[in-house]
């Protein structure tokens, strides 16, 4: 199970920061940015191997369930 930031969104933020720095911006003057979207991914194959079970409500709320 993973609850964390969306990788493409995170890379997009890194690219924006890099672009601002390459255009002459000072890193100390740039605002702090955070990824605003997080996702929940559950790997059922690994969960079964570890004898873990998840409530159906949690599985329903997950952004991705890997079989």
PDB file of N, CA and C in Angstrom:
ATOM      1  N   UNK A   1       0.845  -1.158   0.000  1.00  0.00           N
ATOM      2  CA  UNK A   1       0.000   0.000   0.000  1.00  0.00           C
ATOM      3  C   UNK A   1       0.897   1.230   0.000  1.00  0.00           C
ATOM      4  N   UNK A   2       0.554   2.199  -0.804  1.00  0.00           N
ATOM      5  CA  UNK A   2       1.311   3.433  -0.892  1.00  0.00           C
ATOM      6  C   UNK A   2       0.343   4.607  -0.884  1.00  0.00           C
ATOM      7  N   UNK A   3       0.623   5.573  -0.037  1.00  0.00           N
ATOM      8  CA  UNK A   3      -0.145   6.810   0.001  1.00  0.00           C
ATOM      9  C   UNK A   3       0.846   7.935  -0.167  1.00  0.00           C
ATOM     10  N   UNK A   4       0.864   8.538  -1.330  1.00  0.00           N
ATOM     11  CA  UNK A   4       1.861   9.565  -1.582  1.00  0.00           C
ATOM     12  C   UNK A   4       1.516  10.408  -2.788  1.00  0.00           C
ATOM     13  N   UNK A   5       2.475  11.226  -3.164  1.00  0.00           N
ATOM     14  CA  UNK A   5       2.248  12.164  -4.251  1.00  0.00           C
ATOM     15  C   UNK A   5       2.237  11.453  -5.601  1.00  0.00           C
ATOM     16  N   UNK A   6       1.592  12.101  -6.516  1.00  0.00           N
ATOM     17  CA  UNK A   6       1.490  11.624  -7.876  1.00  0.00           C
ATOM     18  C   UNK A   6       2.803  11.977  -8.588  1.00  0.00           C
ATOM     19  N   UNK A   7       3.517  10.996  -9.112  1.00  0.00           N
ATOM     20  CA  UNK A   7       4.836  11.233  -9.712  1.00  0.00           C
ATOM     21  C   UNK A   7       4.824  12.235 -10.859  1.00  0.00           C
ATOM     22  N   UNK A   8       3.900  12.150 -11.816  1.00  0.00           N
ATOM     23  CA  UNK A   8       3.905  13.155 -12.890  1.00  0.00           C
ATOM     24  C   UNK A   8       3.707  14.583 -12.371  1.00  0.00           C
ATOM     25  N   UNK A   9       2.853  14.760 -11.376  1.00  0.00           N
ATOM     26  CA  UNK A   9       2.656  16.090 -10.796  1.00  0.00           C
ATOM     27  C   UNK A   9       3.934  16.575 -10.121  1.00  0.00           C
ATOM     28  N   UNK A  10       4.602  15.672  -9.422  1.00  0.00           N
ATOM     29  CA  UNK A  10       5.843  16.017  -8.739  1.00  0.00           C
ATOM     30  C   UNK A  10       6.926  16.417  -9.746  1.00  0.00           C
ATOM     31  N   UNK A  11       7.029  15.684 -10.833  1.00  0.00           N
ATOM     32  CA  UNK A  11       8.026  16.007 -11.859  1.00  0.00           C
ATOM     33  C   UNK A  11       7.708  17.335 -12.525  1.00  0.00           C
ATOM     34  N   UNK A  12       6.430  17.632 -12.693  1.00  0.00           N
ATOM     35  CA  UNK A  12       6.027  18.908 -13.279  1.00  0.00           C
ATOM     36  C   UNK A  12       6.485  20.067 -12.392  1.00  0.00           C
ATOM     37  N   UNK A  13       6.318  19.927 -11.070  1.00  0.00           N
ATOM     38  CA  UNK A  13       6.771  20.967 -10.153  1.00  0.00           C
ATOM     39  C   UNK A  13       8.284  21.140 -10.209  1.00  0.00           C
ATOM     40  N   UNK A  14       9.011  20.016 -10.266  1.00  0.00           N
ATOM     41  CA  UNK A  14      10.471  20.089 -10.373  1.00  0.00           C
ATOM     42  C   UNK A  14      10.874  20.827 -11.644  1.00  0.00           C
ATOM     43  N   UNK A  15      10.183  20.543 -12.732  1.00  0.00           N
ATOM     44  CA  UNK A  15      10.467  21.212 -14.004  1.00  0.00           C
ATOM     45  C   UNK A  15      10.215  22.708 -13.924  1.00  0.00           C
ATOM     46  N   UNK A  16       9.113  23.106 -13.274  1.00  0.00           N
ATOM     47  CA  UNK A  16       8.825  24.531 -13.111  1.00  0.00           C
ATOM     48  C   UNK A  16       9.920  25.223 -12.313  1.00  0.00           C
ATOM     49  N   UNK A  17      10.335  24.595 -11.228  1.00  0.00           N
ATOM     50  CA  UNK A  17      11.394  25.168 -10.396  1.00  0.00           C
ATOM     51  C   UNK A  17      12.686  25.299 -11.193  1.00  0.00           C
ATOM     52  N   UNK A  18      13.042  24.251 -11.922  1.00  0.00           N
ATOM     53  CA  UNK A  18      14.265  24.266 -12.720  1.00  0.00           C
ATOM     54  C   UNK A  18      14.203  25.364 -13.774  1.00  0.00           C
ATOM     55  N   UNK A  19      13.053  25.501 -14.430  1.00  0.00           N
ATOM     56  CA  UNK A  19      12.889  26.546 -15.438  1.00  0.00           C
ATOM     57  C   UNK A  19      13.052  27.934 -14.850  1.00  0.00           C
ATOM     58  N   UNK A  20      12.484  28.154 -13.675  1.00  0.00           N
ATOM     59  CA  UNK A  20      12.614  29.466 -13.032  1.00  0.00           C
ATOM     60  C   UNK A  20      14.066  29.771 -12.681  1.00  0.00           C
ATOM     61  N   UNK A  21      14.785  28.763 -12.210  1.00  0.00           N
ATOM     62  CA  UNK A  21      16.189  28.965 -11.850  1.00  0.00           C
ATOM     63  C   UNK A  21      17.033  29.229 -13.096  1.00  0.00           C
ATOM     64  N   UNK A  22      16.764  28.478 -14.170  1.00  0.00           N
ATOM     65  CA  UNK A  22      17.520  28.664 -15.404  1.00  0.00           C
ATOM     66  C   UNK A  22      17.240  30.020 -16.045  1.00  0.00           C
ATOM     67  N   UNK A  23      16.081  30.601 -15.772  1.00  0.00           N
ATOM     68  CA  UNK A  23      15.744  31.931 -16.294  1.00  0.00           C
ATOM     69  C   UNK A  23      16.302  33.046 -15.415  1.00  0.00           C
ATOM     70  N   UNK A  24      17.057  32.690 -14.371  1.00  0.00           N
ATOM     71  CA  UNK A  24      17.710  33.696 -13.562  1.00  0.00           C
ATOM     72  C   UNK A  24      17.123  33.897 -12.180  1.00  0.00           C
ATOM     73  N   UNK A  25      16.103  33.156 -11.826  1.00  0.00           N
ATOM     74  CA  UNK A  25      15.520  33.290 -10.497  1.00  0.00           C
ATOM     75  C   UNK A  25      16.441  32.735  -9.430  1.00  0.00           C
ATOM     76  N   UNK A  26      16.434  33.389  -8.288  1.00  0.00           N
ATOM     77  CA  UNK A  26      17.260  32.915  -7.180  1.00  0.00           C
ATOM     78  C   UNK A  26      16.459  31.888  -6.381  1.00  0.00           C
ATOM     79  N   UNK A  27      17.033  30.724  -6.116  1.00  0.00           N
ATOM     80  CA  UNK A  27      16.301  29.686  -5.382  1.00  0.00           C
ATOM     81  C   UNK A  27      15.750  30.164  -4.041  1.00  0.00           C
ATOM     82  N   UNK A  28      16.457  31.052  -3.372  1.00  0.00           N
ATOM     83  CA  UNK A  28      16.003  31.549  -2.068  1.00  0.00           C
ATOM     84  C   UNK A  28      14.758  32.426  -2.200  1.00  0.00           C
ATOM     85  N   UNK A  29      14.541  33.004  -3.385  1.00  0.00           N
ATOM     86  CA  UNK A  29      13.392  33.883  -3.598  1.00  0.00           C
ATOM     87  C   UNK A  29      12.158  33.148  -4.117  1.00  0.00           C
ATOM     88  N   UNK A  30      12.320  31.897  -4.513  1.00  0.00           N
ATOM     89  CA  UNK A  30      11.194  31.141  -5.064  1.00  0.00           C
ATOM     90  C   UNK A  30      10.304  30.624  -3.931  1.00  0.00           C
ATOM     91  N   UNK A  31       8.999  30.639  -4.149  1.00  0.00           N
ATOM     92  CA  UNK A  31       8.098  30.142  -3.105  1.00  0.00           C
ATOM     93  C   UNK A  31       8.187  28.625  -2.973  1.00  0.00           C
ATOM     94  N   UNK A  32       7.907  28.148  -1.787  1.00  0.00           N
ATOM     95  CA  UNK A  32       7.868  26.702  -1.548  1.00  0.00           C
ATOM     96  C   UNK A  32       6.590  26.156  -2.167  1.00  0.00           C
ATOM     97  N   UNK A  33       6.714  25.104  -2.931  1.00  0.00           N
ATOM     98  CA  UNK A  33       5.552  24.480  -3.562  1.00  0.00           C
ATOM     99  C   UNK A  33       5.467  23.034  -3.131  1.00  0.00           C
ATOM    100  N   UNK A  34       4.243  22.558  -2.996  1.00  0.00           N
ATOM    101  CA  UNK A  34       4.015  21.165  -2.641  1.00  0.00           C
ATOM    102  C   UNK A  34       2.998  20.566  -3.593  1.00  0.00           C
ATOM    103  N   UNK A  35       3.127  19.280  -3.812  1.00  0.00           N
ATOM    104  CA  UNK A  35       2.149  18.571  -4.614  1.00  0.00           C
ATOM    105  C   UNK A  35       0.834  18.557  -3.836  1.00  0.00           C
ATOM    106  N   UNK A  36      -0.247  18.899  -4.495  1.00  0.00           N
ATOM    107  CA  UNK A  36      -1.533  18.988  -3.803  1.00  0.00           C
ATOM    108  C   UNK A  36      -2.375  17.737  -3.969  1.00  0.00           C
ATOM    109  N   UNK A  37      -2.002  16.873  -4.894  1.00  0.00           N
ATOM    110  CA  UNK A  37      -2.785  15.657  -5.118  1.00  0.00           C
ATOM    111  C   UNK A  37      -1.975  14.455  -4.650  1.00  0.00           C
ATOM    112  N   UNK A  38      -2.563  13.664  -3.799  1.00  0.00           N
ATOM    113  CA  UNK A  38      -1.943  12.425  -3.354  1.00  0.00           C
ATOM    114  C   UNK A  38      -2.842  11.268  -3.779  1.00  0.00           C
ATOM    115  N   UNK A  39      -2.265  10.111  -3.918  1.00  0.00           N
ATOM    116  CA  UNK A  39      -3.068   8.962  -4.338  1.00  0.00           C
ATOM    117  C   UNK A  39      -2.758   7.745  -3.469  1.00  0.00           C
ATOM    118  N   UNK A  40      -3.748   6.897  -3.358  1.00  0.00           N
ATOM    119  CA  UNK A  40      -3.645   5.652  -2.597  1.00  0.00           C
ATOM    120  C   UNK A  40      -3.624   4.493  -3.582  1.00  0.00           C
ATOM    121  N   UNK A  41      -2.555   3.698  -3.514  1.00  0.00           N
ATOM    122  CA  UNK A  41      -2.399   2.533  -4.388  1.00  0.00           C
ATOM    123  C   UNK A  41      -2.243   1.310  -3.495  1.00  0.00           C
ATOM    124  N   UNK A  42      -3.024   0.272  -3.784  1.00  0.00           N
ATOM    125  CA  UNK A  42      -2.973  -0.959  -2.998  1.00  0.00           C
ATOM    126  C   UNK A  42      -2.607  -2.110  -3.921  1.00  0.00           C
ATOM    127  N   UNK A  43      -1.585  -2.874  -3.539  1.00  0.00           N
ATOM    128  CA  UNK A  43      -1.139  -4.035  -4.299  1.00  0.00           C
ATOM    129  C   UNK A  43      -1.726  -5.274  -3.623  1.00  0.00           C
ATOM    130  N   UNK A  44      -2.752  -5.842  -4.222  1.00  0.00           N
ATOM    131  CA  UNK A  44      -3.463  -6.975  -3.628  1.00  0.00           C
ATOM    132  C   UNK A  44      -2.635  -8.259  -3.653  1.00  0.00           C
ATOM    133  N   UNK A  45      -1.792  -8.434  -4.672  1.00  0.00           N
ATOM    134  CA  UNK A  45      -0.977  -9.647  -4.754  1.00  0.00           C
ATOM    135  C   UNK A  45      -0.019  -9.715  -3.559  1.00  0.00           C
ATOM    136  N   UNK A  46       0.628  -8.603  -3.263  1.00  0.00           N
ATOM    137  CA  UNK A  46       1.539  -8.552  -2.120  1.00  0.00           C
ATOM    138  C   UNK A  46       0.769  -8.675  -0.811  1.00  0.00           C
ATOM    139  N   UNK A  47      -0.383  -8.042  -0.736  1.00  0.00           N
ATOM    140  CA  UNK A  47      -1.202  -8.115   0.482  1.00  0.00           C
ATOM    141  C   UNK A  47      -1.606  -9.563   0.768  1.00  0.00           C
ATOM    142  N   UNK A  48      -1.989 -10.295  -0.263  1.00  0.00           N
ATOM    143  CA  UNK A  48      -2.357 -11.704  -0.076  1.00  0.00           C
ATOM    144  C   UNK A  48      -1.150 -12.540   0.352  1.00  0.00           C
ATOM    145  N   UNK A  49       0.026 -12.237  -0.215  1.00  0.00           N
ATOM    146  CA  UNK A  49       1.245 -12.967   0.159  1.00  0.00           C
ATOM    147  C   UNK A  49       1.600 -12.728   1.625  1.00  0.00           C
ATOM    148  N   UNK A  50       1.233 -11.544   2.141  1.00  0.00           N
ATOM    149  CA  UNK A  50       1.504 -11.215   3.542  1.00  0.00           C
ATOM    150  C   UNK A  50       0.313 -11.513   4.454  1.00  0.00           C
ATOM    151  N   UNK A  51      -0.710 -12.136   3.891  1.00  0.00           N
ATOM    152  CA  UNK A  51      -1.947 -12.473   4.610  1.00  0.00           C
ATOM    153  C   UNK A  51      -2.635 -11.244   5.201  1.00  0.00           C
ATOM    154  N   UNK A  52      -2.640 -10.155   4.422  1.00  0.00           N
ATOM    155  CA  UNK A  52      -3.312  -8.934   4.837  1.00  0.00           C
ATOM    156  C   UNK A  52      -4.666  -8.823   4.140  1.00  0.00           C
ATOM    157  N   UNK A  53      -5.613  -8.250   4.825  1.00  0.00           N
ATOM    158  CA  UNK A  53      -6.917  -7.984   4.223  1.00  0.00           C
ATOM    159  C   UNK A  53      -7.241  -6.510   4.409  1.00  0.00           C
ATOM    160  N   UNK A  54      -7.977  -5.971   3.462  1.00  0.00           N
ATOM    161  CA  UNK A  54      -8.381  -4.578   3.517  1.00  0.00           C
ATOM    162  C   UNK A  54      -9.898  -4.501   3.482  1.00  0.00           C
ATOM    163  N   UNK A  55     -10.490  -3.584   4.221  1.00  0.00           N
ATOM    164  CA  UNK A  55     -11.939  -3.412   4.158  1.00  0.00           C
ATOM    165  C   UNK A  55     -12.358  -2.973   2.749  1.00  0.00           C
ATOM    166  N   UNK A  56     -13.530  -3.392   2.346  1.00  0.00           N
ATOM    167  CA  UNK A  56     -14.026  -3.062   1.008  1.00  0.00           C
ATOM    168  C   UNK A  56     -14.169  -1.556   0.837  1.00  0.00           C
ATOM    169  N   UNK A  57     -14.435  -0.839   1.926  1.00  0.00           N
ATOM    170  CA  UNK A  57     -14.555   0.620   1.831  1.00  0.00           C
ATOM    171  C   UNK A  57     -13.212   1.265   1.484  1.00  0.00           C
ATOM    172  N   UNK A  58     -12.123   0.721   2.018  1.00  0.00           N
ATOM    173  CA  UNK A  58     -10.794   1.244   1.696  1.00  0.00           C
ATOM    174  C   UNK A  58     -10.439   0.934   0.247  1.00  0.00           C
ATOM    175  N   UNK A  59     -10.767  -0.265  -0.199  1.00  0.00           N
ATOM    176  CA  UNK A  59     -10.504  -0.635  -1.590  1.00  0.00           C
ATOM    177  C   UNK A  59     -11.303   0.270  -2.539  1.00  0.00           C
ATOM    178  N   UNK A  60     -12.497   0.639  -2.132  1.00  0.00           N
ATOM    179  CA  UNK A  60     -13.325   1.515  -2.947  1.00  0.00           C
ATOM    180  C   UNK A  60     -12.780   2.932  -3.026  1.00  0.00           C
ATOM    181  N   UNK A  61     -12.089   3.364  -2.001  1.00  0.00           N
ATOM    182  CA  UNK A  61     -11.541   4.724  -1.984  1.00  0.00           C
ATOM    183  C   UNK A  61     -10.177   4.819  -2.637  1.00  0.00           C
ATOM    184  N   UNK A  62      -9.528   3.688  -2.869  1.00  0.00           N
ATOM    185  CA  UNK A  62      -8.181   3.684  -3.457  1.00  0.00           C
ATOM    186  C   UNK A  62      -8.228   4.216  -4.886  1.00  0.00           C
ATOM    187  N   UNK A  63      -7.190   4.951  -5.260  1.00  0.00           N
ATOM    188  CA  UNK A  63      -7.095   5.456  -6.619  1.00  0.00           C
ATOM    189  C   UNK A  63      -6.738   4.348  -7.601  1.00  0.00           C
ATOM    190  N   UNK A  64      -5.982   3.353  -7.106  1.00  0.00           N
ATOM    191  CA  UNK A  64      -5.588   2.224  -7.954  1.00  0.00           C
ATOM    192  C   UNK A  64      -5.454   0.983  -7.084  1.00  0.00           C
ATOM    193  N   UNK A  65      -6.023  -0.113  -7.561  1.00  0.00           N
ATOM    194  CA  UNK A  65      -5.877  -1.408  -6.891  1.00  0.00           C
ATOM    195  C   UNK A  65      -5.202  -2.330  -7.897  1.00  0.00           C
ATOM    196  N   UNK A  66      -4.000  -2.779  -7.554  1.00  0.00           N
ATOM    197  CA  UNK A  66      -3.229  -3.652  -8.431  1.00  0.00           C
ATOM    198  C   UNK A  66      -3.556  -5.085  -8.072  1.00  0.00           C
ATOM    199  N   UNK A  67      -4.019  -5.854  -9.043  1.00  0.00           N
ATOM    200  CA  UNK A  67      -4.387  -7.247  -8.793  1.00  0.00           C
ATOM    201  C   UNK A  67      -3.179  -8.068  -8.950  1.00  0.00           C
TER     202      UNK A  67
END
